Amino acid sequence: MSDDELFRSLLNTPEASTVVSHAATVIVGRDSADGMSILMMRRSSKIAFGGMWVFPGGKVDADDYDPAAPKDLIGASARAGVREAKEEGDLDLVVTALVPYSHWSPPPEAPRRFLTWFFIVSAPSGPAGDVTIDETEITEHAWLTPRDALDHHRAGEIELAPPTYVTLCDLADFSSIDDALDRARRREPVRFVTHMVMSEDGPIAMWRGDAGYEARDPTVPGPRHRVVMGPDGWSLLRS
């Protein structure tokens, strides 16, 4: 995928009108001999984010809301994440075990905006944690350490979206799923509202805390909070 194609894919098509939907993503982790491994799934080329490797997840449906708490978006998102993990990988997750990790908003100009809660959870033990993909929306799956996933991406072997890439960079510092869960429980979920710009180095995704964020000017000197998606690989720059 060329730089221009990637930039346009992140914004979808410029002709469409903006549609806002809520979605949920679940980071499912387990410990292995190589350290913490994360469940990664490859989406079918025929659907949104086709061909990319992602965490289980999907759109929040009306039935995911609790009638007793119709405005509880986090609760509805957690239930959506559990439902999608079952549909995509036959995983039996428990809603109360999901820990909010981050929230992602696509660029404001994107015609289809999925506002997505990311959760993290330990993989169930026994048969409940056995993965069987649906082979419709999901065509492949693998348990990868975050560093291995990033290495595969750097080698051009898998495609990632910026939220997945940043999350894997965050998780690469943890040796166990318990450590990652403990950190998630002790902090407020980080909220990302993405601004996309094109530069001579390739597409750049920027978030609050980057000196060029408000002006959408990557040349503004100062702190950095961005991913530079260059032709020779991606780089997370974070002051």
Foldseek 3Di string as FASTA:
>chain_A
DDLVVVLCLLQPHLVAAADEFEKEFEFEWFADPQFIWTKWFAFDLVDRVHQAIGGFMDTQDCVLADPVCNPPPLSSNLSRRQVRCCQFWVAHDDSVQWFFAAWEWGAPSRRYIYTYTYTYGYADPDPNRHTDGPCHGTNDMDTGQLVVVQVCVLVVNHDHDVVRNVVSVVRNVHRGSVVVVVVRVVDDHYYFYWDWDADPQGIKTAGPPAQCVVVVDNVRDDFGQMWRQGPNGIDGGGD
